[in-house]
Amino acid sequence: MKKCIMCGLQKSGADANFICPDCSQFAPFLQQVYREVDEKLSSPDAVVDPTSDHILQLVADSTFLTVANPQLTIYYKMCELIIQKAYKREYQISEEQLNKAIKTIRSWSAVFKLFQELDLIQVTIEDHQRIITLTDKIERMVKPFQSESLSDQIIKRHAHIYAGYVLLNILNKVAEMRVDEPDDGRLPYGQKPRTLWSCLMFVWGSAYSGKQTFSEEDLRRFLSKRRIPSTTYSEAIKALQSMSGKTVQTLIKDISIDGDQITFAISDYAFREILNLRDRARERQR
């Protein structure tokens, strides 16, 4: 059995590993989203406000698996910490402070490398420990809101924006993989976030194809084909269920239940933004 190098879908009779049709279609779209978000957040004139910029709202909502997923939570926790510090105008964090704030058994080196690559932090060594300095890219984001009272909801929302940005960078590296060069050595900890890749491929792909609703069973089958463990896709479904008016996430606008069948409705803004992204890509191809 050979498998898709991006999502893990297996195929019998294949001579070598391959890229499945779903990933072949999704990878360019993912790269387009990443390019547009990177341009926005890298601009000196950037105003980072997901309530007025729907592509940033989409990216913030793409992190719905991060908090509960052990493989991804470190990125969200890191973003949450640096946003909290930036709101307090504290632009340096010692490694000792970092270790107290975020409990993890992982080395920080891979995270530091990724965040430096995105120009979110700089790392120096002082008194035999690493010092993390936040960059202008972070300061630009919080500046318009520093006159407001510190809101937990605002902090969480902005942390989701930057966590989504970080995760998009990782997924973009997956999208760049080739069958003849499948090495994922550039990925942090050498791990592909297959569950997040597959979930976004399904949910964004539904909107991309013009469908604003999807069923739990359709998502379950899609993930099961990619050998995502049942406990993992159960957590993904719970995360989607928790969105409907209960969290800062806004990807899902409604959930309906008919017997054992659960149907999710994608938010109007996300549906329109994905179709707009699709149309912009088609315009550029003409």
Protein backbone atom coordinates (compact mmCIF):
# COMPACT_ATOMS: atom_id res chain seq x y z
CA MET A 1 0.00 0.00 0.00
CA LYS A 2 1.36 3.39 -1.00
CA LYS A 3 0.11 6.65 0.46
CA CYS A 4 -0.43 10.30 -0.36
CA ILE A 5 2.57 12.22 0.95
CA MET A 6 0.33 15.07 2.12
CA CYS A 7 -2.75 13.55 3.76
CA GLY A 8 -1.84 9.87 4.14
CA LEU A 9 -4.61 8.44 1.92
CA GLN A 10 -3.59 4.92 0.99
CA LYS A 11 -3.94 3.26 -2.40
CA SER A 12 -3.33 -0.36 -3.29
CA GLY A 13 -1.44 -1.23 -6.44
CA ALA A 14 0.43 2.06 -6.56
CA ASP A 15 4.06 1.78 -7.58
CA ALA A 16 5.17 4.64 -5.37
CA ASN A 17 3.87 7.26 -2.98
CA PHE A 18 1.68 9.85 -4.67
CA ILE A 19 -0.37 13.04 -4.20
CA CYS A 20 -4.09 12.31 -4.16
CA PRO A 21 -6.57 14.36 -6.27
CA ASP A 22 -8.00 16.12 -3.20
CA CYS A 23 -4.56 17.30 -2.09
CA SER A 24 -3.63 18.27 -5.66
CA GLN A 25 -6.58 20.66 -5.69
CA PHE A 26 -6.25 21.86 -2.10
CA ALA A 27 -2.50 22.57 -2.03
CA PRO A 28 -2.57 25.53 -4.50
CA PHE A 29 -5.57 27.03 -2.68
CA LEU A 30 -3.82 26.71 0.68
CA GLN A 31 -0.74 28.38 -0.78
CA GLN A 32 -2.86 31.23 -2.12
CA VAL A 33 -4.42 31.83 1.32
CA TYR A 34 -0.98 31.77 2.93
CA ARG A 35 0.48 34.24 0.39
CA GLU A 36 -2.34 36.75 0.87
CA VAL A 37 -2.21 36.52 4.68
CA ASP A 38 1.58 36.79 4.73
CA GLU A 39 1.41 39.92 2.57
CA LYS A 40 -1.16 41.49 4.90
CA LEU A 41 0.69 40.75 8.12
CA SER A 42 4.07 41.71 6.67
CA SER A 43 2.92 45.11 5.43
CA PRO A 44 4.15 48.07 7.53
CA ASP A 45 0.65 49.54 7.12
CA ALA A 46 -1.12 46.38 8.25
CA VAL A 47 -4.21 46.75 10.43
CA VAL A 48 -4.88 43.36 11.96
CA ASP A 49 -8.58 43.26 12.71
CA PRO A 50 -10.49 40.04 11.96
CA THR A 51 -13.83 41.80 12.37
CA SER A 52 -13.16 43.91 9.27
CA ASP A 53 -10.87 41.61 7.26
CA HIS A 54 -12.52 38.34 6.38
CA ILE A 55 -9.39 36.49 5.25
CA LEU A 56 -7.88 37.10 8.69
CA GLN A 57 -11.13 35.96 10.26
CA LEU A 58 -10.93 32.79 8.17
CA VAL A 59 -7.34 32.19 9.29
CA ALA A 60 -8.25 32.75 12.95
CA ASP A 61 -11.09 30.25 12.60
CA SER A 62 -8.79 27.70 10.97
CA THR A 63 -7.17 27.02 14.35
CA PHE A 64 -10.20 25.21 15.81
CA LEU A 65 -8.11 22.07 16.47
CA THR A 66 -5.11 23.72 18.07
CA VAL A 67 -6.08 24.09 21.70
CA ALA A 68 -6.96 20.43 22.28
CA ASN A 69 -4.45 18.85 19.87
CA PRO A 70 -1.17 18.02 21.66
CA GLN A 71 0.76 18.34 18.39
CA LEU A 72 -0.49 21.88 17.71
CA THR A 73 -1.29 23.47 21.06
CA ILE A 74 2.27 24.72 21.59
CA TYR A 75 1.88 27.14 18.66
CA TYR A 76 -1.36 28.58 20.01
CA LYS A 77 0.03 28.90 23.55
CA MET A 78 3.12 30.68 22.23
CA CYS A 79 0.98 33.13 20.24
CA GLU A 80 -1.31 33.74 23.21
CA LEU A 81 1.66 34.52 25.45
CA ILE A 82 3.33 36.97 23.08
CA ILE A 83 0.02 38.76 22.45
CA GLN A 84 -0.58 39.08 26.20
CA LYS A 85 2.92 40.50 26.64
CA ALA A 86 2.51 42.92 23.73
CA TYR A 87 -0.74 44.30 25.15
CA LYS A 88 1.15 45.04 28.37
CA ARG A 89 3.97 46.66 26.35
CA GLU A 90 6.35 43.95 27.52
CA TYR A 91 8.38 43.12 24.44
CA GLN A 92 10.92 40.71 25.91
CA ILE A 93 10.42 37.25 27.41
CA SER A 94 13.17 35.21 29.01
CA GLU A 95 13.32 31.47 28.44
CA GLU A 96 12.74 31.04 32.18
CA GLN A 97 9.52 33.05 31.95
CA LEU A 98 8.51 31.08 28.87
CA ASN A 99 9.00 27.75 30.63
CA LYS A 100 6.89 28.93 33.57
CA ALA A 101 4.09 30.17 31.31
CA ILE A 102 3.93 27.20 28.92
CA LYS A 103 4.44 23.65 30.14
CA THR A 104 5.90 21.40 27.46
CA ILE A 105 8.40 18.56 27.19
CA ARG A 106 9.40 19.69 23.70
CA SER A 107 12.49 21.65 22.84
CA TRP A 108 11.84 25.31 22.04
CA SER A 109 14.37 25.34 19.19
CA ALA A 110 11.90 24.30 16.46
CA VAL A 111 9.30 26.82 17.63
CA PHE A 112 11.86 29.63 17.85
CA LYS A 113 13.09 28.84 14.35
CA LEU A 114 9.58 28.96 12.92
CA PHE A 115 8.57 32.16 14.70
CA GLN A 116 11.82 33.84 13.64
CA GLU A 117 11.24 32.73 10.05
CA LEU A 118 7.90 34.56 10.20
CA ASP A 119 9.58 37.63 11.77
CA LEU A 120 7.38 37.44 14.88
CA ILE A 121 10.28 37.21 17.32
CA GLN A 122 14.03 37.60 17.55
CA VAL A 123 16.10 35.36 19.82
CA THR A 124 19.32 36.35 21.54
CA ILE A 125 21.36 34.85 24.38
CA GLU A 126 21.94 36.73 27.62
CA ASP A 127 23.32 35.31 30.87
CA HIS A 128 23.29 31.78 29.41
CA GLN A 129 19.60 31.81 28.52
CA ARG A 130 17.65 32.70 25.41
CA ILE A 131 15.72 35.98 25.32
CA ILE A 132 12.72 36.35 23.03
CA THR A 133 12.12 39.87 21.69
CA LEU A 134 8.82 40.62 19.97
CA THR A 135 9.08 42.33 16.59
CA ASP A 136 7.28 45.25 15.00
CA LYS A 137 5.04 42.72 13.27
CA ILE A 138 3.47 41.93 16.65
CA GLU A 139 3.54 45.51 17.95
CA ARG A 140 1.68 46.79 14.86
CA MET A 141 -1.15 44.40 15.63
CA VAL A 142 -1.79 45.43 19.23
CA LYS A 143 -1.11 49.17 18.90
CA PRO A 144 -4.64 50.19 17.82
CA PHE A 145 -6.09 48.31 20.80
CA GLN A 146 -3.71 49.32 23.58
CA SER A 147 -5.91 52.24 24.62
CA GLU A 148 -8.77 49.81 25.30
CA SER A 149 -9.24 47.86 28.50
CA LEU A 150 -7.52 44.50 28.32
CA SER A 151 -10.12 42.10 26.94
CA ASP A 152 -9.65 38.35 27.20
CA GLN A 153 -11.78 37.92 24.08
CA ILE A 154 -9.61 40.32 22.05
CA ILE A 155 -6.43 38.61 23.23
CA LYS A 156 -7.79 35.19 22.33
CA ARG A 157 -9.00 36.37 18.94
CA HIS A 158 -5.66 37.95 18.04
CA ALA A 159 -3.81 34.90 19.35
CA HIS A 160 -5.91 32.80 16.97
CA ILE A 161 -4.95 35.06 14.06
CA TYR A 162 -1.25 34.57 14.67
CA ALA A 163 -1.61 30.87 15.53
CA GLY A 164 -3.46 30.47 12.23
CA TYR A 165 -0.67 32.33 10.46
CA VAL A 166 1.96 30.05 12.02
CA LEU A 167 -0.01 26.93 11.16
CA LEU A 168 -0.58 28.15 7.60
CA ASN A 169 3.18 28.46 7.24
CA ILE A 170 3.57 24.82 8.30
CA LEU A 171 0.76 23.70 5.99
CA ASN A 172 2.35 25.71 3.18
CA LYS A 173 5.49 23.61 3.64
CA VAL A 174 3.32 20.50 3.28
CA ALA A 175 1.76 21.97 0.12
CA GLU A 176 5.25 22.45 -1.35
CA MET A 177 6.16 18.77 -0.97
CA ARG A 178 6.74 16.77 -4.14
CA VAL A 179 6.56 13.04 -4.74
CA ASP A 180 10.21 12.94 -5.78
CA GLU A 181 11.15 15.16 -2.82
CA PRO A 182 8.77 14.20 -0.01
CA ASP A 183 11.24 14.99 2.77
CA ASP A 184 9.46 16.88 5.54
CA GLY A 185 12.66 17.76 7.37
CA ARG A 186 11.74 21.46 7.20
CA LEU A 187 8.63 20.86 9.30
CA PRO A 188 8.87 21.65 13.03
CA TYR A 189 9.62 18.45 14.92
CA GLY A 190 9.46 16.66 11.55
CA GLN A 191 5.68 16.32 11.91
CA LYS A 192 2.97 16.90 9.34
CA PRO A 193 -0.27 18.22 10.91
CA ARG A 194 -2.32 15.67 8.93
CA THR A 195 -5.52 16.12 10.92
CA LEU A 196 -5.59 19.89 10.50
CA TRP A 197 -4.62 19.60 6.82
CA SER A 198 -7.38 17.04 6.20
CA CYS A 199 -10.05 18.93 8.19
CA LEU A 200 -9.37 22.20 6.40
CA MET A 201 -9.19 20.39 3.07
CA PHE A 202 -12.68 19.03 3.74
CA VAL A 203 -14.33 22.14 5.25
CA TRP A 204 -12.71 24.74 2.98
CA GLY A 205 -13.10 22.33 0.07
CA SER A 206 -16.85 22.10 0.70
CA ALA A 207 -17.17 25.88 0.40
CA TYR A 208 -14.77 25.95 -2.57
CA SER A 209 -17.09 23.57 -4.43
CA GLY A 210 -20.13 25.72 -3.58
CA LYS A 211 -21.55 23.73 -0.66
CA GLN A 212 -22.34 25.66 2.51
CA THR A 213 -23.32 22.63 4.58
CA PHE A 214 -21.73 19.26 5.34
CA SER A 215 -22.62 16.35 7.58
CA GLU A 216 -20.70 14.84 10.44
CA GLU A 217 -20.81 11.51 8.61
CA ASP A 218 -19.26 13.00 5.45
CA LEU A 219 -16.42 14.48 7.50
CA ARG A 220 -15.96 11.23 9.43
CA ARG A 221 -15.67 9.20 6.20
CA PHE A 222 -13.23 11.71 4.71
CA LEU A 223 -10.94 11.56 7.74
CA SER A 224 -11.31 7.81 8.18
CA LYS A 225 -10.05 7.24 4.63
CA ARG A 226 -6.90 9.08 5.64
CA ARG A 227 -6.37 6.82 8.66
CA ILE A 228 -7.11 9.61 11.13
CA PRO A 229 -7.83 7.79 14.45
CA SER A 230 -11.47 7.80 15.54
CA THR A 231 -10.60 9.55 18.82
CA THR A 232 -8.90 12.33 16.85
CA TYR A 233 -11.73 12.99 14.42
CA SER A 234 -14.18 12.84 17.33
CA GLU A 235 -12.26 15.73 18.88
CA ALA A 236 -12.41 17.60 15.56
CA ILE A 237 -16.18 17.17 15.41
CA LYS A 238 -16.53 18.31 19.04
CA ALA A 239 -14.46 21.39 18.22
CA LEU A 240 -16.78 22.21 15.31
CA GLN A 241 -19.85 21.64 17.49
CA SER A 242 -18.52 24.02 20.16
CA MET A 243 -18.27 26.90 17.68
CA SER A 244 -21.92 27.75 17.28
CA GLY A 245 -22.08 30.90 19.39
CA LYS A 246 -20.04 29.45 22.27
CA THR A 247 -16.49 30.52 21.47
CA VAL A 248 -14.51 33.25 19.70
CA GLN A 249 -14.48 30.96 16.65
CA THR A 250 -16.99 31.81 13.92
CA LEU A 251 -16.39 29.24 11.18
CA ILE A 252 -19.68 27.42 11.83
CA LYS A 253 -22.88 29.44 11.97
CA ASP A 254 -25.41 26.72 12.71
CA ILE A 255 -25.75 23.05 13.64
CA SER A 256 -28.87 20.99 12.94
CA ILE A 257 -29.63 17.50 14.24
CA ASP A 258 -32.00 15.05 12.58
CA GLY A 259 -31.96 11.75 14.43
CA ASP A 260 -28.32 10.68 14.55
CA GLN A 261 -27.35 12.95 11.67
CA ILE A 262 -25.55 16.21 12.49
CA THR A 263 -25.28 18.86 9.77
CA PHE A 264 -22.94 21.85 9.99
CA ALA A 265 -23.54 25.14 8.17
CA ILE A 266 -20.45 27.18 7.27
CA SER A 267 -20.66 30.86 8.25
CA ASP A 268 -21.73 33.22 5.49
CA TYR A 269 -18.50 35.25 5.69
CA ALA A 270 -16.30 32.10 5.36
CA PHE A 271 -18.35 30.77 2.46
CA ARG A 272 -18.14 34.09 0.60
CA GLU A 273 -14.45 34.61 1.35
CA ILE A 274 -13.48 31.15 0.08
CA LEU A 275 -15.47 31.71 -3.11
CA ASN A 276 -13.81 35.13 -3.49
CA LEU A 277 -10.40 33.52 -3.08
CA ARG A 278 -11.34 30.93 -5.69
CA ASP A 279 -12.49 33.63 -8.11
CA ARG A 280 -9.33 35.70 -7.59
CA ALA A 281 -7.21 32.63 -8.37
CA ARG A 282 -9.18 31.99 -11.56
CA GLU A 283 -8.76 35.62 -12.63
CA ARG A 284 -4.99 35.37 -12.25
CA GLN A 285 -4.92 32.18 -14.32
CA ARG A 286 -6.61 33.83 -17.31
